[in-house]
């Protein structure tokens, strides 16, 4: 960086202005609600409030995989939370997740509704509730948990680090891009070495570890995050690419990617999901054609 751009931190940081960048209008140093608005509630046992970011896709993929296995109790209403407009700061959403981050889930299948927030917590909740995609005990279960927590600890470097400075920051600065590109590539190398010996990240079975990791790193190597595939030379991670394509081909994954998606080609957008038939009748291309 040039001498003119060097920043000397004050003794006490204060929030004097927006930080700049694509999401400056929703970033703030305080928690809590900014406005009163209740969350809608549909007819199904599970109520999801989300957006098709990588963290949101984890959960909709899980739900669609459970439904594909015949678990009717996994039927869900998926309500769109537009984080660019600050929907996550409504009183209703803060009640579901005091951290104001998507996704958030209300499980209303029992006598008392249960709130579940943080994407990994939702994956574990659903896996244990339905007895799928997570070994019940032993070393196999621990290995799945290892990789779920690896993802939760690693993805902030990819999204908040590399993705922010490479794609969203108001200016391109070499130091943070180099720093986080190095870490993103190191993480891809971790996955590539593991997947050289295994079909899926935790072994030979598809689990919530794959569902946690794929929306971030799988979609990255498939060219869907930050327009950074060439920059990061993702084709060199051949084992990650093989794994990413195999998961991408799963019908439940294809459906899960569409839910709460207000961007991309209209036929890939299902803003809200309230019934399985919505994939055929309520994608954005169908709705626009009907107007």
Protein backbone atom coordinates (compact mmCIF):
# COMPACT_ATOMS: atom_id res chain seq x y z
CA UNK A 1 0.00 0.00 0.00
CA UNK A 2 1.13 3.55 -0.60
CA UNK A 3 2.07 5.85 2.24
CA UNK A 4 -1.06 7.90 1.55
CA UNK A 5 -3.29 4.87 2.17
CA UNK A 6 -1.67 3.82 5.45
CA UNK A 7 -4.18 3.82 8.30
CA UNK A 8 -3.27 4.69 11.88
CA UNK A 9 -5.92 3.26 14.21
CA UNK A 10 -7.26 5.65 16.86
CA UNK A 11 -7.00 4.73 20.54
CA UNK A 12 -10.74 4.02 20.62
CA UNK A 13 -12.58 3.05 17.45
CA UNK A 14 -15.88 4.82 16.75
CA UNK A 15 -18.47 4.22 14.07
CA UNK A 16 -18.43 7.54 12.24
CA UNK A 17 -19.48 6.45 8.77
CA UNK A 18 -20.32 3.50 6.57
CA UNK A 19 -17.33 1.36 5.74
CA UNK A 20 -17.97 1.29 2.00
CA UNK A 21 -18.36 -1.72 -0.22
CA UNK A 22 -21.38 -3.61 -1.44
CA UNK A 23 -22.93 -4.28 1.97
CA UNK A 24 -22.09 -1.02 3.73
CA UNK A 25 -25.75 -0.10 4.22
CA UNK A 26 -26.43 -3.12 6.46
CA UNK A 27 -23.17 -3.30 8.42
CA UNK A 28 -23.28 -1.85 11.92
CA UNK A 29 -21.48 -2.43 15.22
CA UNK A 30 -24.61 -3.09 17.30
CA UNK A 31 -27.12 -5.93 17.52
CA UNK A 32 -30.88 -5.95 17.97
CA UNK A 33 -33.92 -5.11 15.91
CA UNK A 34 -34.31 -1.95 13.85
CA UNK A 35 -38.04 -2.36 13.15
CA UNK A 36 -41.12 -4.27 14.26
CA UNK A 37 -42.21 -7.02 11.92
CA UNK A 38 -43.36 -10.54 12.70
CA UNK A 39 -42.15 -13.53 10.75
CA UNK A 40 -44.71 -15.28 8.54
CA UNK A 41 -45.70 -18.82 9.49
CA UNK A 42 -46.81 -21.46 6.98
CA UNK A 43 -48.50 -24.84 7.27
CA UNK A 44 -45.49 -27.14 7.49
CA UNK A 45 -43.62 -28.41 10.59
CA UNK A 46 -40.46 -26.52 9.69
CA UNK A 47 -40.29 -22.79 9.03
CA UNK A 48 -37.09 -21.58 7.36
CA UNK A 49 -36.14 -17.91 6.99
CA UNK A 50 -33.22 -17.62 4.62
CA UNK A 51 -31.50 -16.51 1.45
CA UNK A 52 -29.61 -18.66 -1.08
CA UNK A 53 -26.14 -17.64 0.05
CA UNK A 54 -23.79 -20.56 0.72
CA UNK A 55 -24.93 -20.74 4.34
CA UNK A 56 -28.56 -20.74 3.31
CA UNK A 57 -28.02 -23.39 0.64
CA UNK A 58 -26.63 -25.80 3.23
CA UNK A 59 -30.02 -26.06 4.90
CA UNK A 60 -32.26 -26.15 1.84
CA UNK A 61 -30.08 -28.92 0.38
CA UNK A 62 -30.44 -30.86 3.64
CA UNK A 63 -34.21 -30.45 3.65
CA UNK A 64 -34.56 -31.48 0.03
CA UNK A 65 -32.32 -34.52 0.63
CA UNK A 66 -34.51 -35.56 3.58
CA UNK A 67 -37.66 -35.19 1.51
CA UNK A 68 -36.07 -37.24 -1.28
CA UNK A 69 -35.61 -40.05 1.26
CA UNK A 70 -39.32 -39.93 2.10
CA UNK A 71 -39.24 -38.00 5.38
CA UNK A 72 -42.55 -36.16 5.14
CA UNK A 73 -41.87 -34.52 8.50
CA UNK A 74 -39.16 -32.51 6.76
CA UNK A 75 -41.72 -30.55 4.74
CA UNK A 76 -40.97 -26.90 5.11
CA UNK A 77 -41.95 -23.37 4.25
CA UNK A 78 -38.98 -21.29 3.09
CA UNK A 79 -39.43 -17.54 3.48
CA UNK A 80 -37.13 -15.10 1.72
CA UNK A 81 -35.02 -12.84 3.95
CA UNK A 82 -33.57 -10.03 1.85
CA UNK A 83 -30.45 -9.12 3.76
CA UNK A 84 -29.68 -6.24 1.38
CA UNK A 85 -32.86 -4.54 2.58
CA UNK A 86 -32.28 -5.31 6.25
CA UNK A 87 -34.98 -7.97 6.70
CA UNK A 88 -32.68 -9.74 9.17
CA UNK A 89 -33.07 -6.84 11.60
CA UNK A 90 -36.82 -7.22 12.04
CA UNK A 91 -38.01 -7.99 15.55
CA UNK A 92 -39.35 -11.34 14.36
CA UNK A 93 -36.07 -12.41 12.80
CA UNK A 94 -34.02 -11.23 15.76
CA UNK A 95 -36.31 -13.40 17.88
CA UNK A 96 -35.35 -16.38 15.72
CA UNK A 97 -31.67 -15.47 15.62
CA UNK A 98 -30.31 -12.72 17.89
CA UNK A 99 -27.21 -12.62 15.67
CA UNK A 100 -29.32 -11.42 12.69
CA UNK A 101 -27.73 -13.83 10.22
CA UNK A 102 -29.42 -16.25 7.85
CA UNK A 103 -30.47 -19.01 7.96
CA UNK A 104 -32.82 -19.32 10.92
CA UNK A 105 -35.28 -22.14 11.54
CA UNK A 106 -38.31 -22.57 13.76
CA UNK A 107 -39.11 -26.23 14.34
CA UNK A 108 -42.83 -26.27 15.11
CA UNK A 109 -43.28 -30.03 14.97
CA UNK A 110 -43.63 -30.40 18.75
CA UNK A 111 -45.73 -28.81 21.45
CA UNK A 112 -43.23 -26.01 21.98
CA UNK A 113 -41.56 -24.34 18.97
CA UNK A 114 -37.78 -24.63 18.96
CA UNK A 115 -35.59 -21.98 17.38
CA UNK A 116 -32.43 -23.16 15.64
CA UNK A 117 -29.82 -20.77 14.29
CA UNK A 118 -26.32 -21.07 12.83
CA UNK A 119 -26.24 -23.27 9.75
CA UNK A 120 -24.22 -26.05 11.39
CA UNK A 121 -26.63 -26.20 14.32
CA UNK A 122 -29.54 -26.53 11.89
CA UNK A 123 -27.77 -29.34 10.02
CA UNK A 124 -27.12 -31.23 13.27
CA UNK A 125 -30.67 -30.63 14.48
CA UNK A 126 -32.17 -32.06 11.29
CA UNK A 127 -29.69 -34.93 11.07
CA UNK A 128 -30.47 -36.06 14.60
CA UNK A 129 -34.20 -35.45 14.25
CA UNK A 130 -34.49 -37.67 11.17
CA UNK A 131 -31.56 -40.03 11.72
CA UNK A 132 -29.91 -39.29 8.39
CA UNK A 133 -26.54 -38.07 7.06
CA UNK A 134 -24.80 -38.33 10.44
CA UNK A 135 -23.48 -41.55 12.02
CA UNK A 136 -25.06 -42.20 15.39
CA UNK A 137 -21.81 -42.72 17.29
CA UNK A 138 -18.16 -43.59 17.15
CA UNK A 139 -15.24 -42.43 15.08
CA UNK A 140 -17.37 -41.98 11.96
CA UNK A 141 -19.61 -39.46 13.73
CA UNK A 142 -16.60 -37.61 15.11
CA UNK A 143 -15.06 -37.39 11.63
CA UNK A 144 -18.23 -35.81 10.25
CA UNK A 145 -18.24 -33.33 13.12
CA UNK A 146 -14.57 -32.57 12.50
CA UNK A 147 -15.35 -31.44 8.97
CA UNK A 148 -18.51 -29.52 9.80
CA UNK A 149 -16.60 -27.50 12.36
CA UNK A 150 -13.68 -27.15 9.94
CA UNK A 151 -16.06 -25.49 7.52
CA UNK A 152 -17.55 -23.19 10.11
CA UNK A 153 -14.09 -22.03 11.14
CA UNK A 154 -12.64 -21.82 7.63
CA UNK A 155 -15.36 -20.22 5.51
CA UNK A 156 -15.06 -16.77 7.13
CA UNK A 157 -11.60 -16.56 5.59
CA UNK A 158 -13.08 -17.42 2.21
CA UNK A 159 -16.20 -15.27 2.38
CA UNK A 160 -15.44 -12.44 4.77
CA UNK A 161 -11.78 -12.41 3.84
CA UNK A 162 -11.07 -13.36 0.24
CA UNK A 163 -14.57 -12.77 -1.13
CA UNK A 164 -14.92 -9.40 0.53
CA UNK A 165 -11.63 -7.92 -0.58
CA UNK A 166 -11.60 -9.56 -4.04
CA UNK A 167 -15.22 -8.93 -5.01
CA UNK A 168 -16.98 -6.49 -2.66
CA UNK A 169 -14.53 -3.97 -1.20
CA UNK A 170 -14.79 -0.44 -2.64
CA UNK A 171 -11.19 -0.65 -3.88
CA UNK A 172 -8.78 -3.46 -4.76
CA UNK A 173 -5.91 -3.66 -2.28
CA UNK A 174 -3.12 -6.14 -2.92
CA UNK A 175 -2.22 -6.97 0.66
CA UNK A 176 -5.61 -8.32 1.84
CA UNK A 177 -6.30 -10.01 -1.51
CA UNK A 178 -2.92 -11.76 -1.42
CA UNK A 179 -3.35 -12.68 2.23
CA UNK A 180 -6.78 -14.24 1.84
CA UNK A 181 -6.13 -15.77 -1.59
CA UNK A 182 -3.24 -17.64 0.02
CA UNK A 183 -5.55 -18.92 2.77
CA UNK A 184 -8.35 -19.84 0.34
CA UNK A 185 -5.89 -21.86 -1.73
CA UNK A 186 -4.48 -23.53 1.37
CA UNK A 187 -7.99 -24.61 2.34
CA UNK A 188 -8.66 -25.95 -1.15
CA UNK A 189 -5.43 -27.91 -0.85
CA UNK A 190 -6.59 -29.37 2.48
CA UNK A 191 -9.77 -30.59 0.80
CA UNK A 192 -7.96 -31.82 -2.30
CA UNK A 193 -5.55 -33.97 -0.28
CA UNK A 194 -8.38 -35.48 1.77
CA UNK A 195 -10.57 -36.19 -1.25
CA UNK A 196 -7.72 -38.00 -2.99
CA UNK A 197 -8.46 -40.99 -0.77
CA UNK A 198 -12.21 -40.68 -0.15
CA UNK A 199 -15.41 -40.32 -2.16
CA UNK A 200 -16.82 -37.74 0.26
CA UNK A 201 -15.07 -35.53 2.76
CA UNK A 202 -15.74 -37.68 5.83
CA UNK A 203 -15.48 -41.07 4.12
CA UNK A 204 -17.47 -43.12 1.64
CA UNK A 205 -20.87 -41.80 2.72
CA UNK A 206 -22.48 -38.49 1.83
CA UNK A 207 -23.09 -36.56 5.07
CA UNK A 208 -23.88 -33.18 6.52
CA UNK A 209 -20.14 -32.45 6.27
CA UNK A 210 -20.46 -32.41 2.48
CA UNK A 211 -23.63 -30.32 2.73
CA UNK A 212 -21.79 -27.80 4.90
CA UNK A 213 -18.67 -27.57 2.73
CA UNK A 214 -20.03 -27.87 -0.80
CA UNK A 215 -22.04 -24.60 -0.96
CA UNK A 216 -18.82 -22.72 -0.23
CA UNK A 217 -15.91 -24.65 -1.72
CA UNK A 218 -17.80 -26.76 -4.24
CA UNK A 219 -19.52 -23.75 -5.72
CA UNK A 220 -16.25 -21.83 -5.65
CA UNK A 221 -14.50 -24.37 -7.87
CA UNK A 222 -17.59 -24.59 -10.10
CA UNK A 223 -17.20 -20.87 -10.81
CA UNK A 224 -20.21 -19.63 -8.85
CA UNK A 225 -18.56 -17.53 -6.13
CA UNK A 226 -16.84 -14.17 -6.55
CA UNK A 227 -16.00 -14.75 -10.26
CA UNK A 228 -12.70 -16.03 -8.89
CA UNK A 229 -12.27 -19.52 -10.36
CA UNK A 230 -9.52 -18.55 -12.80
CA UNK A 231 -7.78 -16.29 -10.27
CA UNK A 232 -7.56 -19.16 -7.77
CA UNK A 233 -6.66 -21.74 -10.43
CA UNK A 234 -9.44 -24.03 -9.20
CA UNK A 235 -8.93 -26.54 -12.02
CA UNK A 236 -5.69 -27.59 -10.35
CA UNK A 237 -7.67 -29.05 -7.42
CA UNK A 238 -8.79 -32.12 -9.34
CA UNK A 239 -10.16 -34.09 -6.40
CA UNK A 240 -12.20 -31.15 -5.17
CA UNK A 241 -13.53 -30.65 -8.68
CA UNK A 242 -14.57 -34.32 -8.96
CA UNK A 243 -16.36 -34.14 -5.60
CA UNK A 244 -18.00 -30.80 -6.42
CA UNK A 245 -19.41 -32.05 -9.72
CA UNK A 246 -20.72 -35.26 -8.17
CA UNK A 247 -22.65 -33.37 -5.49
CA UNK A 248 -23.83 -30.77 -7.98
CA UNK A 249 -25.49 -33.55 -10.00
CA UNK A 250 -27.74 -34.62 -7.13
CA UNK A 251 -31.38 -33.64 -7.81
CA UNK A 252 -31.93 -32.55 -4.20
CA UNK A 253 -28.89 -30.28 -4.40
CA UNK A 254 -30.19 -28.74 -7.60
CA UNK A 255 -33.53 -28.04 -5.93
CA UNK A 256 -31.89 -26.76 -2.74
CA UNK A 257 -29.84 -24.22 -4.70
CA UNK A 258 -33.03 -22.70 -6.11
CA UNK A 259 -34.83 -22.04 -2.82
CA UNK A 260 -34.82 -18.44 -1.53
CA UNK A 261 -32.79 -17.43 -4.59
CA UNK A 262 -33.66 -13.91 -5.90
CA UNK A 263 -30.71 -13.70 -8.30
CA UNK A 264 -29.39 -15.53 -11.35
CA UNK A 265 -31.36 -16.83 -14.31
CA UNK A 266 -35.13 -16.59 -13.68
CA UNK A 267 -35.65 -20.35 -14.08
CA UNK A 268 -33.22 -20.94 -11.17
CA UNK A 269 -35.06 -18.61 -8.80
CA UNK A 270 -37.66 -19.90 -6.35
CA UNK A 271 -38.07 -16.93 -4.05
CA UNK A 272 -40.21 -18.84 -1.57
CA UNK A 273 -40.90 -22.54 -1.27
CA UNK A 274 -44.17 -23.74 0.27
CA UNK A 275 -44.82 -26.96 -1.63
CA UNK A 276 -42.80 -29.43 -3.69
CA UNK A 277 -44.80 -28.41 -6.76
CA UNK A 278 -43.39 -24.88 -6.49
CA UNK A 279 -40.27 -26.01 -8.36
CA UNK A 280 -42.44 -26.66 -11.39
CA UNK A 281 -44.93 -23.82 -11.09
CA UNK A 282 -43.49 -20.88 -9.14
CA UNK A 283 -39.97 -20.27 -10.41
CA UNK A 284 -39.44 -16.69 -11.44
CA UNK A 285 -39.58 -17.40 -15.19
CA UNK A 286 -43.05 -18.95 -14.75
CA UNK A 287 -44.29 -16.06 -12.63
CA UNK A 288 -42.97 -13.45 -15.04
CA UNK A 289 -44.56 -15.23 -17.99
CA UNK A 290 -47.90 -15.26 -16.19
CA UNK A 291 -47.87 -11.50 -15.53
